[in-house]
Structure formats: structure tokens, C-alpha cells
C-alpha atoms as a PDB file:
ATOM      1  CA  MET A   1       7.210 -38.090  11.102  1.00  0.00           C
ATOM      2  CA  GLY A   2      11.118 -37.796  11.942  1.00  0.00           C
ATOM      3  CA  ALA A   3      12.419 -35.436  14.949  1.00  0.00           C
ATOM      4  CA  GLU A   4      12.588 -31.814  13.973  1.00  0.00           C
ATOM      5  CA  PRO A   5      16.408 -30.611  13.707  1.00  0.00           C
ATOM      6  CA  ALA A   6      17.975 -29.147  16.742  1.00  0.00           C
ATOM      7  CA  VAL A   7      18.502 -25.400  17.357  1.00  0.00           C
ATOM      8  CA  ALA A   8      21.801 -24.483  15.493  1.00  0.00           C
ATOM      9  CA  THR A   9      22.092 -21.385  17.560  1.00  0.00           C
ATOM     10  CA  ALA A  10      20.783 -20.170  21.015  1.00  0.00           C
ATOM     11  CA  LEU A  11      17.115 -19.770  22.232  1.00  0.00           C
ATOM     12  CA  PHE A  12      15.977 -15.793  21.214  1.00  0.00           C
ATOM     13  CA  PRO A  13      15.124 -15.742  25.107  1.00  0.00           C
ATOM     14  CA  ASP A  14      18.843 -16.472  25.716  1.00  0.00           C
ATOM     15  CA  ARG A  15      20.859 -14.200  23.171  1.00  0.00           C
ATOM     16  CA  LEU A  16      18.225 -11.343  24.237  1.00  0.00           C
ATOM     17  CA  ALA A  17      19.101 -11.551  27.751  1.00  0.00           C
ATOM     18  CA  GLU A  18      22.964 -11.155  27.052  1.00  0.00           C
ATOM     19  CA  ALA A  19      22.170  -8.253  25.296  1.00  0.00           C
ATOM     20  CA  VAL A  20      20.442  -6.592  28.027  1.00  0.00           C
ATOM     21  CA  GLU A  21      22.473  -7.530  30.505  1.00  0.00           C
ATOM     22  CA  ARG A  22      25.478  -6.405  28.265  1.00  0.00           C
ATOM     23  CA  LYS A  23      24.118  -2.957  27.328  1.00  0.00           C
ATOM     24  CA  ARG A  24      21.910  -2.074  30.691  1.00  0.00           C
ATOM     25  CA  SER A  25      19.091  -1.599  28.145  1.00  0.00           C
ATOM     26  CA  GLN A  26      15.629  -2.991  27.823  1.00  0.00           C
ATOM     27  CA  LEU A  27      14.324  -0.491  24.646  1.00  0.00           C
ATOM     28  CA  LEU A  28      13.494  -1.302  21.398  1.00  0.00           C
ATOM     29  CA  VAL A  29      13.415   1.381  19.229  1.00  0.00           C
ATOM     30  CA  GLY A  30      10.537   1.226  16.108  1.00  0.00           C
ATOM     31  CA  LEU A  31      11.351   2.020  12.745  1.00  0.00           C
ATOM     32  CA  ASP A  32       8.499   3.617  11.679  1.00  0.00           C
ATOM     33  CA  PRO A  33       9.494   5.835   8.616  1.00  0.00           C
ATOM     34  CA  ARG A  34       6.874   8.693   7.314  1.00  0.00           C
ATOM     35  CA  PRO A  35       8.200  10.222   3.875  1.00  0.00           C
ATOM     36  CA  ASP A  36       6.009  13.341   5.763  1.00  0.00           C
ATOM     37  CA  LEU A  37       7.565  13.762   8.339  1.00  0.00           C
ATOM     38  CA  LEU A  38      11.197  12.923   7.774  1.00  0.00           C
ATOM     39  CA  PRO A  39      14.108  15.808   8.163  1.00  0.00           C
ATOM     40  CA  VAL A  40      14.140  18.502   5.603  1.00  0.00           C
ATOM     41  CA  GLU A  41      18.068  17.463   4.518  1.00  0.00           C
ATOM     42  CA  LEU A  42      16.412  13.697   3.562  1.00  0.00           C
ATOM     43  CA  ALA A  43      12.702  14.462   1.990  1.00  0.00           C
ATOM     44  CA  GLY A  44      14.241  15.979  -1.070  1.00  0.00           C
ATOM     45  CA  ASP A  45      12.086  14.630  -3.985  1.00  0.00           C
ATOM     46  CA  ALA A  46      10.260  12.063  -1.712  1.00  0.00           C
ATOM     47  CA  HIS A  47       6.867  13.273  -2.599  1.00  0.00           C
ATOM     48  CA  LEU A  48       7.642  12.632  -6.086  1.00  0.00           C
ATOM     49  CA  SER A  49       7.795   8.503  -6.150  1.00  0.00           C
ATOM     50  CA  ARG A  50       7.227   5.457  -4.080  1.00  0.00           C
ATOM     51  CA  GLU A  51      11.159   4.782  -5.099  1.00  0.00           C
ATOM     52  CA  ALA A  52      12.050   8.203  -3.670  1.00  0.00           C
ATOM     53  CA  ALA A  53      10.032   7.649  -0.614  1.00  0.00           C
ATOM     54  CA  ALA A  54      11.553   4.668  -0.086  1.00  0.00           C
ATOM     55  CA  ASP A  55      15.192   5.882  -0.567  1.00  0.00           C
ATOM     56  CA  ALA A  56      14.748   8.618   1.992  1.00  0.00           C
ATOM     57  CA  CYS A  57      12.823   6.246   4.769  1.00  0.00           C
ATOM     58  CA  GLY A  58      15.919   3.524   3.531  1.00  0.00           C
ATOM     59  CA  ARG A  59      18.823   6.511   4.733  1.00  0.00           C
ATOM     60  CA  PHE A  60      16.622   7.720   7.626  1.00  0.00           C
ATOM     61  CA  CYS A  61      16.716   4.172   9.240  1.00  0.00           C
ATOM     62  CA  ARG A  62      20.066   3.854   8.547  1.00  0.00           C
ATOM     63  CA  GLY A  63      20.973   7.167  10.624  1.00  0.00           C
ATOM     64  CA  ILE A  64      18.514   6.442  13.141  1.00  0.00           C
ATOM     65  CA  VAL A  65      20.052   3.374  13.511  1.00  0.00           C
ATOM     66  CA  ASP A  66      23.663   4.964  13.916  1.00  0.00           C
ATOM     67  CA  ALA A  67      22.095   7.205  16.381  1.00  0.00           C
ATOM     68  CA  VAL A  68      20.515   4.816  18.747  1.00  0.00           C
ATOM     69  CA  ALA A  69      22.858   1.908  18.658  1.00  0.00           C
ATOM     70  CA  PRO A  70      24.823   2.551  22.109  1.00  0.00           C
ATOM     71  CA  HIS A  71      21.318   3.092  24.178  1.00  0.00           C
ATOM     72  CA  VAL A  72      18.912   0.087  22.669  1.00  0.00           C
ATOM     73  CA  VAL A  73      18.876  -3.424  22.296  1.00  0.00           C
ATOM     74  CA  GLY A  74      17.492  -3.472  18.935  1.00  0.00           C
ATOM     75  CA  VAL A  75      15.053  -1.859  16.611  1.00  0.00           C
ATOM     76  CA  LYS A  76      11.285  -2.528  15.575  1.00  0.00           C
ATOM     77  CA  PRO A  77      10.686  -2.207  12.268  1.00  0.00           C
ATOM     78  CA  GLN A  78       7.002  -1.656  11.275  1.00  0.00           C
ATOM     79  CA  LEU A  79       5.953  -3.585   8.379  1.00  0.00           C
ATOM     80  CA  ALA A  80       3.271  -1.166   7.248  1.00  0.00           C
ATOM     81  CA  PHE A  81       5.326   1.458   6.719  1.00  0.00           C
ATOM     82  CA  PHE A  82       7.263  -0.114   4.175  1.00  0.00           C
ATOM     83  CA  GLU A  83       4.384  -1.750   2.524  1.00  0.00           C
ATOM     84  CA  ALA A  84       3.126   1.233   2.018  1.00  0.00           C
ATOM     85  CA  LEU A  85       5.601   2.340  -0.563  1.00  0.00           C
ATOM     86  CA  GLY A  86       5.460  -0.859  -2.338  1.00  0.00           C
ATOM     87  CA  ALA A  87       8.567  -3.017  -3.614  1.00  0.00           C
ATOM     88  CA  ASP A  88      10.651  -0.397  -2.567  1.00  0.00           C
ATOM     89  CA  GLY A  89       9.378  -0.149   0.636  1.00  0.00           C
ATOM     90  CA  LEU A  90       9.924  -4.102   1.207  1.00  0.00           C
ATOM     91  CA  ARG A  91      13.503  -3.518  -0.472  1.00  0.00           C
ATOM     92  CA  ALA A  92      14.105  -0.447   2.213  1.00  0.00           C
ATOM     93  CA  PHE A  93      12.790  -2.853   5.175  1.00  0.00           C
ATOM     94  CA  GLU A  94      15.333  -5.550   4.305  1.00  0.00           C
ATOM     95  CA  ASP A  95      18.368  -3.010   4.298  1.00  0.00           C
ATOM     96  CA  ALA A  96      16.964  -1.736   7.649  1.00  0.00           C
ATOM     97  CA  CYS A  97      16.813  -4.924   9.064  1.00  0.00           C
ATOM     98  CA  ALA A  98      20.200  -5.878   7.443  1.00  0.00           C
ATOM     99  CA  TYR A  99      21.973  -2.777   9.058  1.00  0.00           C
ATOM    100  CA  ALA A 100      20.586  -2.905  12.179  1.00  0.00           C
ATOM    101  CA  ARG A 101      22.527  -6.551  12.481  1.00  0.00           C
ATOM    102  CA  SER A 102      25.430  -5.032  11.263  1.00  0.00           C
ATOM    103  CA  ALA A 103      25.112  -2.858  14.187  1.00  0.00           C
ATOM    104  CA  GLY A 104      25.069  -6.013  16.778  1.00  0.00           C
ATOM    105  CA  LEU A 105      21.007  -5.240  17.302  1.00  0.00           C
ATOM    106  CA  ILE A 106      17.950  -7.323  17.515  1.00  0.00           C
ATOM    107  CA  VAL A 107      15.140  -6.980  14.790  1.00  0.00           C
ATOM    108  CA  LEU A 108      12.188  -7.984  15.751  1.00  0.00           C
ATOM    109  CA  ALA A 109       9.587  -7.496  12.999  1.00  0.00           C
ATOM    110  CA  ASP A 110       6.671  -5.835  13.856  1.00  0.00           C
ATOM    111  CA  ALA A 111       3.904  -7.460  11.186  1.00  0.00           C
ATOM    112  CA  LYS A 112       1.196  -9.210  13.480  1.00  0.00           C
ATOM    113  CA  ARG A 113       0.963 -11.848  10.986  1.00  0.00           C
ATOM    114  CA  GLY A 114      -1.269 -14.957  11.657  1.00  0.00           C
ATOM    115  CA  ASP A 115      -3.374 -16.939   9.506  1.00  0.00           C
ATOM    116  CA  ILE A 116      -4.425 -20.653   8.069  1.00  0.00           C
ATOM    117  CA  GLY A 117      -1.045 -23.188   8.586  1.00  0.00           C
ATOM    118  CA  SER A 118      -0.241 -22.712   5.105  1.00  0.00           C
ATOM    119  CA  THR A 119      -0.380 -19.213   4.916  1.00  0.00           C
ATOM    120  CA  SER A 120       1.365 -18.811   8.236  1.00  0.00           C
ATOM    121  CA  ARG A 121       4.128 -21.183   6.845  1.00  0.00           C
ATOM    122  CA  ALA A 122       4.855 -18.914   4.020  1.00  0.00           C
ATOM    123  CA  TYR A 123       5.099 -15.503   6.682  1.00  0.00           C
ATOM    124  CA  SER A 124       7.872 -17.820   8.637  1.00  0.00           C
ATOM    125  CA  THR A 125       9.907 -18.536   5.948  1.00  0.00           C
ATOM    126  CA  ALA A 126       9.696 -14.907   4.980  1.00  0.00           C
ATOM    127  CA  TYR A 127      10.226 -13.296   8.374  1.00  0.00           C
ATOM    128  CA  LEU A 128      11.777 -16.240  10.961  1.00  0.00           C
ATOM    129  CA  GLU A 129      13.556 -18.243   8.663  1.00  0.00           C
ATOM    130  CA  PRO A 130      17.692 -18.291   6.605  1.00  0.00           C
ATOM    131  CA  ARG A 131      17.105 -17.371   3.033  1.00  0.00           C
ATOM    132  CA  GLY A 132      19.685 -19.956   1.877  1.00  0.00           C
ATOM    133  CA  GLU A 133      23.232 -18.439   3.037  1.00  0.00           C
ATOM    134  CA  GLN A 134      22.165 -15.809   4.555  1.00  0.00           C
ATOM    135  CA  PRO A 135      20.456 -14.940   8.368  1.00  0.00           C
ATOM    136  CA  PRO A 136      16.486 -14.905   8.587  1.00  0.00           C
ATOM    137  CA  LEU A 137      15.206 -11.285   8.109  1.00  0.00           C
ATOM    138  CA  ALA A 138      14.551 -10.501  11.992  1.00  0.00           C
ATOM    139  CA  ASP A 139      15.278 -12.098  15.245  1.00  0.00           C
ATOM    140  CA  ALA A 140      11.256 -12.301  16.339  1.00  0.00           C
ATOM    141  CA  MET A 141       8.503 -10.984  15.140  1.00  0.00           C
ATOM    142  CA  THR A 142       4.762 -10.303  16.038  1.00  0.00           C
ATOM    143  CA  VAL A 143       2.206 -12.996  15.767  1.00  0.00           C
ATOM    144  CA  ASN A 144      -1.858 -12.802  16.393  1.00  0.00           C
ATOM    145  CA  PRO A 145      -2.926 -15.785  17.956  1.00  0.00           C
ATOM    146  CA  TYR A 146      -6.668 -15.160  17.535  1.00  0.00           C
ATOM    147  CA  LEU A 147      -6.931 -17.855  14.782  1.00  0.00           C
ATOM    148  CA  GLY A 148      -5.855 -20.155  17.482  1.00  0.00           C
ATOM    149  CA  ARG A 149      -2.952 -22.611  17.938  1.00  0.00           C
ATOM    150  CA  ASP A 150      -2.393 -23.992  14.201  1.00  0.00           C
ATOM    151  CA  SER A 151      -2.474 -20.777  12.756  1.00  0.00           C
ATOM    152  CA  LEU A 152       1.131 -20.367  15.126  1.00  0.00           C
ATOM    153  CA  ASP A 153       2.768 -23.778  14.821  1.00  0.00           C
ATOM    154  CA  PRO A 154       4.850 -22.979  11.670  1.00  0.00           C
ATOM    155  CA  PHE A 155       6.166 -19.945  13.873  1.00  0.00           C
ATOM    156  CA  LEU A 156       6.780 -22.166  16.539  1.00  0.00           C
ATOM    157  CA  ALA A 157       8.406 -24.630  14.372  1.00  0.00           C
ATOM    158  CA  ALA A 158      10.756 -22.174  13.322  1.00  0.00           C
ATOM    159  CA  CYS A 159      11.739 -20.739  16.968  1.00  0.00           C
ATOM    160  CA  ARG A 160      12.803 -24.503  17.589  1.00  0.00           C
ATOM    161  CA  ARG A 161      14.561 -24.994  14.762  1.00  0.00           C
ATOM    162  CA  HIS A 162      16.386 -21.390  13.908  1.00  0.00           C
ATOM    163  CA  GLY A 163      16.031 -19.685  17.748  1.00  0.00           C
ATOM    164  CA  SER A 164      13.881 -17.419  16.302  1.00  0.00           C
ATOM    165  CA  GLY A 165      10.777 -15.245  18.987  1.00  0.00           C
ATOM    166  CA  VAL A 166       7.699 -14.574  18.388  1.00  0.00           C
ATOM    167  CA  PHE A 167       5.183 -12.072  20.503  1.00  0.00           C
ATOM    168  CA  CYS A 168       1.751 -12.849  20.236  1.00  0.00           C
ATOM    169  CA  VAL A 169      -0.474  -9.990  20.480  1.00  0.00           C
ATOM    170  CA  VAL A 170      -2.609 -10.234  23.762  1.00  0.00           C
ATOM    171  CA  LYS A 171      -3.388  -6.801  25.138  1.00  0.00           C
ATOM    172  CA  THR A 172      -2.756  -4.044  23.189  1.00  0.00           C
ATOM    173  CA  SER A 173      -2.396  -0.096  23.505  1.00  0.00           C
ATOM    174  CA  ASN A 174      -5.133   1.029  21.306  1.00  0.00           C
ATOM    175  CA  GLU A 175      -8.548   2.358  22.909  1.00  0.00           C
ATOM    176  CA  GLY A 176     -10.305   0.001  20.997  1.00  0.00           C
ATOM    177  CA  VAL A 177      -9.114  -3.380  23.155  1.00  0.00           C
ATOM    178  CA  ALA A 178     -12.534  -3.227  25.107  1.00  0.00           C
ATOM    179  CA  ASP A 179     -14.586  -4.055  21.933  1.00  0.00           C
ATOM    180  CA  ILE A 180     -12.733  -7.633  21.860  1.00  0.00           C
ATOM    181  CA  GLN A 181      -9.726  -8.002  24.076  1.00  0.00           C
ATOM    182  CA  ASP A 182     -12.031  -7.078  27.389  1.00  0.00           C
ATOM    183  CA  LEU A 183     -14.910  -8.840  26.431  1.00  0.00           C
ATOM    184  CA  ALA A 184     -16.032 -11.343  29.409  1.00  0.00           C
ATOM    185  CA  LEU A 185     -16.019 -14.917  29.456  1.00  0.00           C
ATOM    186  CA  SER A 186     -18.620 -17.101  31.057  1.00  0.00           C
ATOM    187  CA  ASP A 187     -16.121 -17.060  34.576  1.00  0.00           C
ATOM    188  CA  GLY A 188     -15.867 -13.664  34.649  1.00  0.00           C
ATOM    189  CA  ARG A 189     -12.496 -13.486  33.041  1.00  0.00           C
ATOM    190  CA  PRO A 190     -11.596 -10.616  30.110  1.00  0.00           C
ATOM    191  CA  LEU A 191     -10.802 -12.839  26.973  1.00  0.00           C
ATOM    192  CA  TRP A 192      -7.419 -11.190  26.477  1.00  0.00           C
ATOM    193  CA  GLN A 193      -6.713 -13.287  30.196  1.00  0.00           C
ATOM    194  CA  HIS A 194      -7.331 -16.410  28.521  1.00  0.00           C
ATOM    195  CA  VAL A 195      -5.569 -15.856  25.285  1.00  0.00           C
ATOM    196  CA  ALA A 196      -2.180 -15.144  28.095  1.00  0.00           C
ATOM    197  CA  ARG A 197      -2.705 -18.490  29.367  1.00  0.00           C
ATOM    198  CA  LEU A 198      -2.466 -20.256  26.075  1.00  0.00           C
ATOM    199  CA  VAL A 199       0.152 -18.527  24.930  1.00  0.00           C
ATOM    200  CA  ALA A 200       2.064 -19.343  28.615  1.00  0.00           C
ATOM    201  CA  GLU A 201       1.300 -23.123  27.604  1.00  0.00           C
ATOM    202  CA  TRP A 202       2.407 -22.847  24.045  1.00  0.00           C
ATOM    203  CA  GLY A 203       5.653 -21.393  25.298  1.00  0.00           C
ATOM    204  CA  GLU A 204       6.248 -24.192  27.696  1.00  0.00           C
ATOM    205  CA  GLU A 205       8.896 -26.096  25.345  1.00  0.00           C
ATOM    206  CA  LEU A 206      11.214 -23.202  24.420  1.00  0.00           C
ATOM    207  CA  VAL A 207      12.368 -22.084  27.928  1.00  0.00           C
ATOM    208  CA  GLY A 208      15.925 -21.120  27.706  1.00  0.00           C
ATOM    209  CA  ASP A 209      18.707 -21.558  29.873  1.00  0.00           C
ATOM    210  CA  ARG A 210      17.669 -18.141  31.449  1.00  0.00           C
ATOM    211  CA  GLY A 211      14.127 -19.445  31.979  1.00  0.00           C
ATOM    212  CA  LEU A 212      12.458 -17.417  29.678  1.00  0.00           C
ATOM    213  CA  SER A 213      10.539 -18.279  26.667  1.00  0.00           C
ATOM    214  CA  SER A 214      11.200 -17.700  22.974  1.00  0.00           C
ATOM    215  CA  VAL A 215       6.890 -17.265  23.399  1.00  0.00           C
ATOM    216  CA  GLY A 216       6.578 -13.845  24.318  1.00  0.00           C
ATOM    217  CA  ALA A 217       3.570 -11.514  24.266  1.00  0.00           C
ATOM    218  CA  VAL A 218       2.408  -8.181  23.666  1.00  0.00           C
ATOM    219  CA  VAL A 219       0.765  -6.332  26.280  1.00  0.00           C
ATOM    220  CA  GLY A 220       0.046  -2.043  26.276  1.00  0.00           C
ATOM    221  CA  ALA A 221       1.957  -0.096  28.335  1.00  0.00           C
ATOM    222  CA  THR A 222      -1.058   2.202  28.256  1.00  0.00           C
ATOM    223  CA  HIS A 223      -2.878  -0.541  30.883  1.00  0.00           C
ATOM    224  CA  PRO A 224      -0.639  -0.602  33.758  1.00  0.00           C
ATOM    225  CA  ARG A 225      -2.928  -2.933  35.662  1.00  0.00           C
ATOM    226  CA  ALA A 226      -3.115  -5.241  32.717  1.00  0.00           C
ATOM    227  CA  VAL A 227       0.713  -5.181  32.942  1.00  0.00           C
ATOM    228  CA  GLY A 228       0.831  -6.415  36.503  1.00  0.00           C
ATOM    229  CA  GLU A 229      -1.696  -9.255  35.782  1.00  0.00           C
ATOM    230  CA  ALA A 230      -0.192 -10.280  32.616  1.00  0.00           C
ATOM    231  CA  ARG A 231       3.136 -10.835  34.572  1.00  0.00           C
ATOM    232  CA  ARG A 232       1.257 -13.146  36.783  1.00  0.00           C
ATOM    233  CA  LEU A 233      -0.328 -15.030  34.183  1.00  0.00           C
ATOM    234  CA  LEU A 234       3.017 -15.278  31.877  1.00  0.00           C
ATOM    235  CA  PRO A 235       6.103 -15.718  34.561  1.00  0.00           C
ATOM    236  CA  ARG A 236       8.026 -16.758  31.659  1.00  0.00           C
ATOM    237  CA  SER A 237       7.031 -14.855  29.231  1.00  0.00           C
ATOM    238  CA  ILE A 238       9.184 -11.637  27.655  1.00  0.00           C
ATOM    239  CA  LEU A 239       6.837  -8.809  27.831  1.00  0.00           C
ATOM    240  CA  LEU A 240       6.445  -6.501  25.041  1.00  0.00           C
ATOM    241  CA  LEU A 241       5.390  -3.282  25.946  1.00  0.00           C
ATOM    242  CA  PRO A 242       4.711  -0.552  23.515  1.00  0.00           C
ATOM    243  CA  GLY A 243       3.051   2.887  24.085  1.00  0.00           C
ATOM    244  CA  ILE A 244       5.642   4.560  25.965  1.00  0.00           C
ATOM    245  CA  GLY A 245       6.189   8.363  24.536  1.00  0.00           C
ATOM    246  CA  ALA A 246       3.711   9.417  22.181  1.00  0.00           C
ATOM    247  CA  GLN A 247       0.891   7.061  23.572  1.00  0.00           C
ATOM    248  CA  GLY A 248       1.161   8.645  27.002  1.00  0.00           C
ATOM    249  CA  ALA A 249       2.580   5.860  29.079  1.00  0.00           C
ATOM    250  CA  GLY A 250       5.797   6.363  31.084  1.00  0.00           C
ATOM    251  CA  PRO A 251       8.352   3.854  32.445  1.00  0.00           C
ATOM    252  CA  ALA A 252       6.766   3.710  35.910  1.00  0.00           C
ATOM    253  CA  ASP A 253       3.911   1.959  34.397  1.00  0.00           C
ATOM    254  CA  VAL A 254       5.557  -1.213  33.284  1.00  0.00           C
ATOM    255  CA  ALA A 255       7.506  -1.680  36.457  1.00  0.00           C
ATOM    256  CA  ARG A 256       5.824  -4.666  37.296  1.00  0.00           C
ATOM    257  CA  ALA A 257       6.714  -6.495  33.975  1.00  0.00           C
ATOM    258  CA  PHE A 258      10.686  -6.983  35.152  1.00  0.00           C
ATOM    259  CA  THR A 259       9.773  -9.222  38.208  1.00  0.00           C
ATOM    260  CA  SER A 260      11.043 -12.420  35.871  1.00  0.00           C
ATOM    261  CA  GLY A 261      14.249 -10.990  35.363  1.00  0.00           C
ATOM    262  CA  PRO A 262      16.129  -7.547  33.755  1.00  0.00           C
ATOM    263  CA  SER A 263      15.075  -9.266  30.319  1.00  0.00           C
ATOM    264  CA  SER A 264      11.969 -10.270  31.053  1.00  0.00           C
ATOM    265  CA  ALA A 265      10.061  -7.277  29.319  1.00  0.00           C
ATOM    266  CA  LEU A 266      11.179  -4.637  26.581  1.00  0.00           C
ATOM    267  CA  VAL A 267       9.658  -1.858  26.244  1.00  0.00           C
ATOM    268  CA  THR A 268       9.369  -0.035  22.644  1.00  0.00           C
ATOM    269  CA  ALA A 269       9.272   3.811  21.833  1.00  0.00           C
ATOM    270  CA  SER A 270       8.684   4.825  18.185  1.00  0.00           C
ATOM    271  CA  ARG A 271       7.479   8.078  17.257  1.00  0.00           C
ATOM    272  CA  SER A 272       9.346  10.196  20.409  1.00  0.00           C
ATOM    273  CA  VAL A 273      12.390   8.763  19.411  1.00  0.00           C
ATOM    274  CA  LEU A 274      12.213   8.946  15.686  1.00  0.00           C
ATOM    275  CA  TYR A 275      10.675  12.177  15.572  1.00  0.00           C
ATOM    276  CA  ALA A 276      12.257  13.930  18.676  1.00  0.00           C
ATOM    277  CA  PHE A 277      13.689  16.602  16.186  1.00  0.00           C
ATOM    278  CA  ARG A 278      10.477  18.431  15.334  1.00  0.00           C
ATOM    279  CA  THR A 279      10.860  19.659  19.309  1.00  0.00           C
ATOM    280  CA  SER A 280      14.159  19.605  19.384  1.00  0.00           C
ATOM    281  CA  LYS A 281      16.620  22.537  18.461  1.00  0.00           C
ATOM    282  CA  ASP A 282      19.246  19.573  17.651  1.00  0.00           C
ATOM    283  CA  ASP A 283      19.877  17.940  14.572  1.00  0.00           C
ATOM    284  CA  TRP A 284      17.391  14.635  14.110  1.00  0.00           C
ATOM    285  CA  ARG A 285      20.268  11.932  14.550  1.00  0.00           C
ATOM    286  CA  SER A 286      21.184  13.984  17.739  1.00  0.00           C
ATOM    287  CA  ALA A 287      17.731  14.251  19.193  1.00  0.00           C
ATOM    288  CA  ALA A 288      17.141  10.780  18.542  1.00  0.00           C
ATOM    289  CA  ALA A 289      20.111   9.892  20.613  1.00  0.00           C
ATOM    290  CA  GLN A 290      19.526  11.891  23.567  1.00  0.00           C
ATOM    291  CA  GLU A 291      15.732  10.523  23.618  1.00  0.00           C
ATOM    292  CA  ALA A 292      16.933   7.109  23.538  1.00  0.00           C
ATOM    293  CA  ALA A 293      19.487   7.642  26.357  1.00  0.00           C
ATOM    294  CA  ARG A 294      16.911   8.931  28.509  1.00  0.00           C
ATOM    295  CA  LEU A 295      14.411   6.500  27.865  1.00  0.00           C
ATOM    296  CA  LYS A 296      16.651   3.643  28.051  1.00  0.00           C
ATOM    297  CA  SER A 297      18.063   5.019  31.835  1.00  0.00           C
ATOM    298  CA  GLU A 298      14.715   5.607  32.719  1.00  0.00           C
ATOM    299  CA  VAL A 299      13.895   2.183  31.847  1.00  0.00           C
ATOM    300  CA  TRP A 300      16.555   0.475  33.786  1.00  0.00           C
ATOM    301  CA  ALA A 301      15.596   2.400  36.788  1.00  0.00           C
ATOM    302  CA  ALA A 302      12.058   1.950  36.813  1.00  0.00           C
ATOM    303  CA  SER A 303      12.446  -1.817  36.147  1.00  0.00           C
ATOM    304  CA  GLY A 304      14.956  -2.511  39.505  1.00  0.00           C
ATOM    305  CA  TRP A 305      17.707  -4.368  37.993  1.00  0.00           C
END
């Protein structure tokens, strides 16, 4: 077999580090559009058809991007909310990704994909590889490593060839993690820590100029002790930290994640930003912008940089 083509662009962690330092922000806003929660001015006839709902959600995502762009390094569109609206929803997803890119934001597709090699190859093609003359839909995506290394090889290949990034699910923010991720191995370690060590190994050959790897890890901010342990096990991985805001975690809970540098972790907030208008007197764009600005400042301060 011949050698793989050289990376045509900077590695994901280096692009991210530049954006973090330029904006002094480690915040990603999740795009989780729900037709039943949209502002009245957008909802309109969204309840009448998938097409109408997808159009309303697309306009909502564009407005959110406009509102939060000064305060965040990127967005994290959650595929499930777009897939729920069928083909029209997927078109809205592609539009949201392109619009965020045009605003200079990093796009992290929250897909949590992972399957046998040929299927993972298709997922990688869909989200991380150029589409003819067009760039990939996303700069990075979340993946599920619990099927083993061969299920991730196509994603890792995209990291090498196209400068993409992946975030492996390691320790999630939901209450049910104890059912599987916290199960004790024969040596007493929880399963998630074993997965973290594997993620560290898989990312060793994809370390950029800033000392961080293209292979990151998802660790719930709702488990502050686990965040610190994950940082120890994954010194070169970017930690993606969901759970701030609606799930109850706060910026102080993730401070230990940033000891490998200001861009060594990303905090995500979704509902607390998207739907801030529901508990505010401001319009939906202003409310989202204010909440994003607040979180940006608090996370930056907590990170110690």
C-alpha cells in the first residue's frame, strides 16, 4: 500500500488553538433546534409539516449563529434534532454548517457515529471529507469508540488526510453512565478510564504544533472529579465538556480540564443559550448573545488563562 497523502491543511487542534487565543473563548454553542421551543416569530406554521418545521429551525440556527459568533469559537449542531425532520432537516443541517463556517466558526458535528469499518468509512465521508470542490461539512465530529479501534480507523484517516478532528465518547454527562462506563475492570479501574487510555494511544500520531492531538474526548462536566482524572489520563487530548447550563454544571466544575493549555478543553452549552429568551425579557437573539457572552467570560476566568 502506498503512503497516505499529506495533510492539506493545518491539523484541527492547531486551527482550534488559533481561534481560542484570538477570541479568548473556549465556548461552543450547541445547535439543538426544537420546533416546539422556537420563538413565536419563527414558529408560524412549523407544526403543519416537516418542511415548514425545518425551514423555521434553519432560520433559528442562522439567527443564533449571528448572535453568538462574537463570543464563541464554534457551534456543535446535534444531528438528531435535524434528522427528526427528515430530508428537509438534513438540508437545514447542511445550511447551518455552511452558515457557521461563513461566520468564521468551527463546526463540530455531534453525531456520535461508530460502526464496522465500511459503515464508519461512509460516516467519515459524509461529515469529515471534502465534497468535490466544497469543504467538509464539519471540522470535527463526535464518535463512539466502544466498537474498538477498527471502527475508528476511517475517522482517524480523515484526521491525517484532511486535518479533521474527532471527539471520542469517554465519560458522558447523563445519569445512566454507571450502567456501563463506570463498570469496574479486574484491576479495579472503571471501564471509561480504560477507554481514555486507548484514546490517548490513538491520538499519539496526530499531535499538532501546539502539543494537542486531533483525537479528543467527550467528558461530562457534570462529573468534576472525572474531568480532573481525564485530564491526567489524556494530557494531549482536547476535552469536550458538555453539561454546562441546563444539565447543572458550572464553569468552576471544569477548571482542571485546562491545565494542558487554554485550548485543551471546550465547554459546550446548548439549551441554556438557545432558549435563554424563554426566561428573559429580551428578544431571542439578544438573550442568546448575552448568555453566550456571560459563559465565555466565566469559562475563560475559570480556565486560569
